[in-house]
Protein backbone atom coordinates (compact mmCIF):
# COMPACT_ATOMS: atom_id res chain seq x y z
CA UNK A 1 87.18 100.62 103.84
CA UNK A 2 90.42 100.45 101.89
CA UNK A 3 91.81 103.51 100.21
CA UNK A 4 94.68 104.04 97.48
CA UNK A 5 97.43 106.91 97.56
CA UNK A 6 99.37 107.16 94.44
CA UNK A 7 102.63 109.13 94.15
CA UNK A 8 103.96 109.91 90.61
CA UNK A 9 107.59 111.46 90.60
CA UNK A 10 106.90 113.38 87.09
CA UNK A 11 105.97 116.72 86.04
CA UNK A 12 102.40 117.55 86.67
CA UNK A 13 101.83 119.74 83.22
CA UNK A 14 101.05 116.70 82.10
CA UNK A 15 99.36 114.22 84.29
CA UNK A 16 99.45 111.29 81.84
CA UNK A 17 98.58 109.06 84.56
CA UNK A 18 95.38 110.39 85.66
CA UNK A 19 92.31 109.79 83.25
CA UNK A 20 89.91 112.23 82.61
CA UNK A 21 86.81 112.79 85.19
CA UNK A 22 88.64 110.58 87.81
CA UNK A 23 89.28 113.12 90.34
CA UNK A 24 86.86 114.56 92.71
CA UNK A 25 88.70 117.40 94.39
CA UNK A 26 92.12 119.21 93.97
CA UNK A 27 93.89 120.54 97.15
CA UNK A 28 97.37 122.29 96.48
CA UNK A 29 99.89 124.80 97.11
CA UNK A 30 101.71 125.34 94.01
CA UNK A 31 105.00 127.84 94.01
CA UNK A 32 104.25 131.29 94.52
CA UNK A 33 105.44 133.18 91.26
CA UNK A 34 107.40 136.17 92.06
CA UNK A 35 108.61 134.62 95.47
CA UNK A 36 112.78 134.19 95.17
CA UNK A 37 112.89 130.67 96.71
CA UNK A 38 110.94 129.68 93.63
CA UNK A 39 112.84 131.46 91.12
CA UNK A 40 115.53 128.64 90.25
CA UNK A 41 112.47 126.11 89.65
CA UNK A 42 110.49 128.50 87.59
CA UNK A 43 113.93 129.19 85.54
CA UNK A 44 114.23 125.82 84.84
CA UNK A 45 110.81 125.74 83.18
CA UNK A 46 111.57 128.64 81.40
CA UNK A 47 114.97 130.10 80.84
CA UNK A 48 113.51 133.34 79.52
CA UNK A 49 112.33 134.07 83.34
CA UNK A 50 115.97 134.32 84.37
CA UNK A 51 116.70 136.93 81.19
CA UNK A 52 113.79 138.79 82.50
CA UNK A 53 114.70 139.19 86.05
CA UNK A 54 118.10 140.34 85.13
CA UNK A 55 116.70 143.00 82.72
CA UNK A 56 114.54 144.40 85.36
CA UNK A 57 111.11 143.37 83.92
CA UNK A 58 109.29 141.88 86.94
CA UNK A 59 105.97 142.21 85.34
CA UNK A 60 107.09 139.87 82.61
CA UNK A 61 108.85 137.33 84.48
CA UNK A 62 105.51 137.09 86.63
CA UNK A 63 103.49 136.45 83.69
CA UNK A 64 106.05 133.71 82.34
CA UNK A 65 105.96 132.23 85.73
CA UNK A 66 102.07 131.92 85.73
CA UNK A 67 102.05 130.43 82.34
CA UNK A 68 103.92 127.61 83.23
CA UNK A 69 100.90 127.07 86.30
CA UNK A 70 98.48 127.86 83.43
CA UNK A 71 99.36 124.27 81.94
CA UNK A 72 98.59 122.66 85.14
CA UNK A 73 95.45 124.31 85.49
CA UNK A 74 94.36 123.20 82.26
CA UNK A 75 95.17 119.42 83.30
CA UNK A 76 92.40 119.79 86.04
CA UNK A 77 89.75 120.86 84.09
CA UNK A 78 90.45 117.60 82.61
CA UNK A 79 90.66 115.17 85.12
CA UNK A 80 88.06 116.58 87.33
CA UNK A 81 84.71 115.12 87.23
CA UNK A 82 82.00 118.03 86.72
CA UNK A 83 81.18 120.13 89.36
CA UNK A 84 84.45 118.84 90.88
CA UNK A 85 86.19 121.35 93.51
CA UNK A 86 89.73 122.54 93.11
CA UNK A 87 91.14 124.59 95.97
CA UNK A 88 94.49 126.32 95.68
CA UNK A 89 96.36 127.84 98.62
CA UNK A 90 98.42 130.53 97.31
CA UNK A 91 99.89 133.84 98.96
CA UNK A 92 100.42 137.26 97.28
CA UNK A 93 104.14 138.40 96.69
CA UNK A 94 106.04 141.84 97.34
CA UNK A 95 109.45 142.38 95.63
CA UNK A 96 111.80 144.73 94.25
CA UNK A 97 113.39 144.38 91.02
CA UNK A 98 115.70 147.16 89.69
CA UNK A 99 114.35 150.39 91.15
CA UNK A 100 110.57 148.97 91.52
CA UNK A 101 109.02 147.99 94.44
CA UNK A 102 105.45 146.56 94.22
CA UNK A 103 102.97 143.27 95.62
CA UNK A 104 102.58 140.82 92.45
CA UNK A 105 98.63 139.88 92.96
CA UNK A 106 99.35 135.98 92.15
CA UNK A 107 95.67 135.21 93.59
CA UNK A 108 93.95 137.61 91.29
CA UNK A 109 96.14 135.87 88.41
CA UNK A 110 95.24 132.61 89.30
CA UNK A 111 91.68 133.28 89.34
CA UNK A 112 91.42 134.85 85.82
CA UNK A 113 93.50 131.75 84.90
CA UNK A 114 90.31 129.33 85.96
CA UNK A 115 87.84 131.71 84.83
CA UNK A 116 89.12 131.49 81.32
CA UNK A 117 88.74 127.36 81.31
CA UNK A 118 85.79 127.52 82.88
CA UNK A 119 85.58 126.87 86.41
CA UNK A 120 83.04 128.77 88.47
CA UNK A 121 84.69 130.61 91.18
CA UNK A 122 83.63 130.17 95.02
CA UNK A 123 83.73 132.29 97.88
CA UNK A 124 87.36 132.32 98.92
CA UNK A 125 88.73 131.82 102.29
CA UNK A 126 91.99 133.70 103.94
CA UNK A 127 94.04 132.07 106.53
CA UNK A 128 96.56 134.10 108.55
CA UNK A 129 100.09 132.56 108.10
CA UNK A 130 102.52 135.01 110.59
CA UNK A 131 105.76 133.17 110.53
CA UNK A 132 107.64 136.52 109.52
CA UNK A 133 110.01 138.44 112.09
CA UNK A 134 107.67 140.35 115.16
CA UNK A 135 108.40 143.73 113.03
CA UNK A 136 105.27 145.07 111.43
CA UNK A 137 106.40 147.34 109.28
CA UNK A 138 108.86 147.85 105.99
CA UNK A 139 109.65 150.53 103.88
CA UNK A 140 110.32 153.51 106.03
CA UNK A 141 109.64 152.30 109.31
CA UNK A 142 107.85 154.87 111.26
CA UNK A 143 107.91 157.44 108.95
CA UNK A 144 105.16 158.21 107.05
CA UNK A 145 104.15 158.34 103.96
CA UNK A 146 106.19 155.26 102.24
CA UNK A 147 106.10 152.75 104.75
CA UNK A 148 103.74 149.41 103.45
CA UNK A 149 101.95 146.58 105.46
CA UNK A 150 103.59 142.88 105.46
CA UNK A 151 101.75 140.28 104.00
CA UNK A 152 100.48 137.86 106.80
CA UNK A 153 97.67 136.13 105.20
CA UNK A 154 97.03 133.35 102.45
CA UNK A 155 94.28 132.93 100.07
CA UNK A 156 92.58 129.47 99.69
CA UNK A 157 90.87 129.82 95.94
CA UNK A 158 88.26 127.74 95.41
CA UNK A 159 87.04 127.04 91.77
CA UNK A 160 83.93 124.18 90.61
CA UNK A 161 84.40 122.78 87.33
CA UNK A 162 81.83 123.69 85.26
CA UNK A 163 78.69 125.38 86.70
CA UNK A 164 76.77 122.39 88.45
CA UNK A 165 77.41 120.70 91.65
CA UNK A 166 78.13 117.16 91.63
CA UNK A 167 74.56 114.96 91.86
CA UNK A 168 74.65 111.86 94.33
CA UNK A 169 71.84 109.45 94.63
CA UNK A 170 69.17 109.91 97.06
CA UNK A 171 70.49 108.93 100.55
CA UNK A 172 73.60 108.20 98.88
CA UNK A 173 75.44 106.42 102.30
CA UNK A 174 79.04 107.70 101.49
CA UNK A 175 77.93 111.20 101.41
CA UNK A 176 75.58 111.22 104.87
CA UNK A 177 78.10 109.26 106.49
CA UNK A 178 80.79 112.47 105.44
CA UNK A 179 78.72 114.81 107.31
CA UNK A 180 80.32 117.34 109.88
CA UNK A 181 79.38 118.46 112.63
CA UNK A 182 76.98 121.77 112.73
CA UNK A 183 79.54 123.52 115.18
CA UNK A 184 82.47 122.61 112.45
CA UNK A 185 80.40 123.98 109.64
CA UNK A 186 80.11 127.10 111.44
CA UNK A 187 84.29 127.29 111.76
CA UNK A 188 85.05 126.03 108.63
CA UNK A 189 83.03 127.95 106.23
CA UNK A 190 83.71 131.26 107.58
CA UNK A 191 85.49 133.02 104.90
CA UNK A 192 88.70 133.83 107.76
CA UNK A 193 90.45 131.08 109.64
CA UNK A 194 92.09 132.75 112.51
CA UNK A 195 92.85 129.76 114.28
CA UNK A 196 95.46 128.28 111.82
CA UNK A 197 99.25 129.30 112.10
CA UNK A 198 101.64 128.84 109.42
CA UNK A 199 104.89 126.59 110.19
CA UNK A 200 108.42 126.85 108.61
CA UNK A 201 109.56 123.56 108.02
CA UNK A 202 113.48 122.37 107.62
CA UNK A 203 114.12 120.00 105.41
CA UNK A 204 117.91 118.38 105.83
CA UNK A 205 117.98 115.60 103.16
CA UNK A 206 119.71 115.99 99.66
CA UNK A 207 119.56 119.05 97.41
CA UNK A 208 115.79 119.69 99.21
CA UNK A 209 114.79 123.22 99.59
CA UNK A 210 115.92 125.38 102.87
CA UNK A 211 112.14 125.26 103.56
CA UNK A 212 109.57 123.98 102.13
CA UNK A 213 106.08 125.59 101.09
CA UNK A 214 103.64 122.86 102.92
CA UNK A 215 100.49 124.17 104.71
CA UNK A 216 99.85 122.82 108.34
CA UNK A 217 98.27 119.64 108.15
CA UNK A 218 94.90 121.39 109.39
CA UNK A 219 94.52 123.13 105.98
CA UNK A 220 93.88 120.45 103.54
CA UNK A 221 91.99 118.02 105.98
CA UNK A 222 89.64 120.86 106.66
CA UNK A 223 88.92 121.10 102.57
CA UNK A 224 89.08 117.53 102.05
CA UNK A 225 85.96 116.98 104.51
CA UNK A 226 84.57 120.22 103.09
CA UNK A 227 84.76 119.48 99.34
CA UNK A 228 84.72 115.40 99.32
CA UNK A 229 82.91 112.29 100.56
CA UNK A 230 84.25 108.88 101.38
CA UNK A 231 85.95 107.15 98.62
CA UNK A 232 86.74 110.32 96.64
CA UNK A 233 89.86 111.16 94.76
CA UNK A 234 91.58 113.89 95.82
CA UNK A 235 94.56 115.28 94.17
CA UNK A 236 97.68 117.52 94.71
CA UNK A 237 99.70 118.51 91.41
CA UNK A 238 102.56 120.11 93.48
CA UNK A 239 102.75 117.11 96.14
CA UNK A 240 105.72 118.37 97.93
CA UNK A 241 106.42 116.51 101.55
CA UNK A 242 102.76 115.13 101.17
CA UNK A 243 100.34 116.98 103.50
CA UNK A 244 97.38 116.81 101.09
CA UNK A 245 98.07 112.88 101.01
CA UNK A 246 97.96 112.30 104.59
CA UNK A 247 94.94 114.77 105.09
CA UNK A 248 93.27 112.38 102.61
CA UNK A 249 94.08 109.12 104.17
CA UNK A 250 93.48 110.40 107.40
CA UNK A 251 89.95 111.72 106.49
CA UNK A 252 89.29 108.71 104.54
CA UNK A 253 89.58 109.60 100.49
CA UNK A 254 92.06 108.14 97.96
CA UNK A 255 94.92 110.58 96.90
CA UNK A 256 97.29 111.20 94.07
CA UNK A 257 100.15 113.27 94.31
CA UNK A 258 102.50 114.45 91.77
CA UNK A 259 106.00 115.44 92.59
CA UNK A 260 108.91 116.43 90.68
CA UNK A 261 111.84 115.88 93.19
CA UNK A 262 112.04 112.40 94.14
CA UNK A 263 113.43 112.98 97.26
CA UNK A 264 110.71 114.33 98.92
CA UNK A 265 108.73 110.45 98.70
CA UNK A 266 111.62 110.04 101.25
CA UNK A 267 110.52 112.60 103.30
CA UNK A 268 106.71 111.17 103.29
CA UNK A 269 107.72 107.55 104.16
CA UNK A 270 108.74 109.10 107.29
CA UNK A 271 105.52 110.82 108.12
CA UNK A 272 103.67 107.62 107.20
CA UNK A 273 104.97 105.64 109.75
CA UNK A 274 102.72 108.08 112.50
CA UNK A 275 99.78 108.21 110.33
CA UNK A 276 97.46 105.46 111.93
CA UNK A 277 97.84 106.82 115.52
CA UNK A 278 97.76 110.37 113.98
CA UNK A 279 94.38 109.48 112.32
CA UNK A 280 92.74 108.00 115.74
CA UNK A 281 94.16 111.15 117.49
CA UNK A 282 92.54 113.49 115.08
CA UNK A 283 89.09 111.66 115.31
CA UNK A 284 89.27 111.84 118.97
CA UNK A 285 90.03 115.59 118.73
CA UNK A 286 87.14 115.91 116.97
CA UNK A 287 84.49 113.87 119.23
CA UNK A 288 85.79 115.50 122.40
CA UNK A 289 85.29 118.76 120.40
CA UNK A 290 81.82 117.98 120.12
CA UNK A 291 81.27 116.67 123.42
CA UNK A 292 82.26 119.91 124.86
CA UNK A 293 80.21 121.65 122.87
CA UNK A 294 77.21 119.58 123.75
CA UNK A 295 77.85 120.39 127.12
CA UNK A 296 78.16 123.73 126.93
CA UNK A 297 74.61 124.00 125.23
CA UNK A 298 73.16 121.70 128.18
CA UNK A 299 74.60 123.69 130.97
CA UNK A 300 73.34 126.91 129.23
CA UNK A 301 69.76 125.02 129.26
CA UNK A 302 69.56 124.36 125.19
CA UNK A 303 68.15 120.96 124.37
CA UNK A 304 69.07 119.12 120.95
CA UNK A 305 65.86 117.67 118.80
CA UNK A 306 68.49 114.84 117.16
CA UNK A 307 70.73 111.83 118.30
CA UNK A 308 73.41 110.45 116.54
CA UNK A 309 73.07 107.16 114.66
CA UNK A 310 76.29 105.80 115.57
CA UNK A 311 77.47 107.73 118.82
CA UNK A 312 76.02 108.42 121.84
CA UNK A 313 75.53 112.07 121.50
CA UNK A 314 72.86 114.38 120.64
CA UNK A 315 73.73 116.58 117.35
CA UNK A 316 71.95 119.71 116.05
CA UNK A 317 70.71 118.90 112.63
CA UNK A 318 69.20 116.09 111.08
CA UNK A 319 71.99 115.72 108.67
CA UNK A 320 74.30 114.84 111.00
CA UNK A 321 72.44 111.65 112.45
CA UNK A 322 74.32 109.65 109.82
CA UNK A 323 77.81 110.53 110.73
CA UNK A 324 80.11 108.01 111.04
CA UNK A 325 84.10 108.56 111.29
CA UNK A 326 86.61 105.73 109.99
CA UNK A 327 89.73 105.48 111.56
CA UNK A 328 92.87 104.45 109.41
CA UNK A 329 93.92 100.93 110.94
CA UNK A 330 97.00 99.79 108.72
CA UNK A 331 98.91 101.43 105.98
CA UNK A 332 101.02 98.89 103.50
CA UNK A 333 103.66 99.61 100.60
CA UNK A 334 101.93 99.48 97.50
CA UNK A 335 103.65 99.53 93.49
CA UNK A 336 102.99 102.92 93.52
CA UNK A 337 102.64 104.32 96.76
CA UNK A 338 100.67 103.14 99.52
CA UNK A 339 97.28 101.22 100.62
CA UNK A 340 95.22 101.91 103.58
CA UNK A 341 92.50 100.07 105.22
CA UNK A 342 90.31 102.05 107.68
CA UNK A 343 87.87 100.69 109.81
CA UNK A 344 84.71 102.27 111.50
CA UNK A 345 84.76 104.10 114.90
CA UNK A 346 82.00 102.62 116.99
CA UNK A 347 80.42 104.62 119.46
CA UNK A 348 82.09 103.42 122.67
CA UNK A 349 85.47 103.30 121.15
CA UNK A 350 87.04 106.45 123.06
CA UNK A 351 86.33 107.39 126.22
CA UNK A 352 85.68 111.28 125.44
CA UNK A 353 84.85 113.74 128.13
CA UNK A 354 85.97 116.61 130.08
CA UNK A 355 88.18 114.54 132.09
CA UNK A 356 89.77 112.17 129.10
CA UNK A 357 93.88 113.53 127.62
CA UNK A 358 94.65 112.91 123.93
CA UNK A 359 98.00 111.79 123.60
CA UNK A 360 101.02 114.40 122.41
CA UNK A 361 100.82 113.00 118.76
CA UNK A 362 96.90 114.56 118.77
CA UNK A 363 98.65 118.20 117.87
CA UNK A 364 97.59 118.70 114.12
CA UNK A 365 100.18 121.42 114.05
CA UNK A 366 102.65 118.87 114.91
CA UNK A 367 102.03 116.51 111.76
């Protein structure tokens, strides 16, 4: 299996390089309105925002920033297939403008924008991102009543393009091979992810931001596995350091990334060098976790009704039987990005069990 990964250095408010109805999944984390590190970017897009902030009109600046994002959401409605999914990772903002301190609810404003475009909201996810200091209070410290809570979670908003789910031919192999384990489903489709932690990312190249808004690899990887199948195309209109494209590579999907700052592509080039080894480690972790799950159930006297067709272990449901992993074997530069070759992982490929030790590179939070 081969996948293509295009990188477009351009403004995603007009994605002229992406055809109508050509993308199955969007996974992205946009600039967060009313977070100060993004002010300069929004002010470049609309100079009026600078004037609004200087005038102390925070609500007007908030709305102006979101209008710039709205143009991207409109493009998503064009490029996504009917039934395609858009996953938007976003955090709310707390900010003092002039004498007013308040929370700016980015997640609510984005939900309203997608509904106006005809998207159907799906249940949202929350994940904790406690990368701030140990202090959990702001405002008046230990004295009531003027303190306020610290925002330590982010939203993953999910929207379906249109009212109908995607249709597949009966028994579609690429869909059934893309199945996840029963125990993964129970974890991934919980509405709160408590096992993922945020990260700060220092970027020392050129004029890049002191820190990026990159989410940890596990976030886009889960979303890609949850909402797409092998051979689908994943789009990230706010590409940054390319974590969504890396997740698509590892998961055997195609990807397109739009990034306005060319220097970020150099950061991505560095990350790609180890992605093949990392791909095998991700698969190894998933297989090891499943074998541990099987052993725990057997030790407790439970049994399984189904055997995996491609691996030497049982599974909980009939839908898991055709599950197949594809490890990334080769990654090479193409004219507009990268092309990857993937090889099916056979049952004997890895030595999986309680005594096996994944390599240091296997840590999802490190990539």
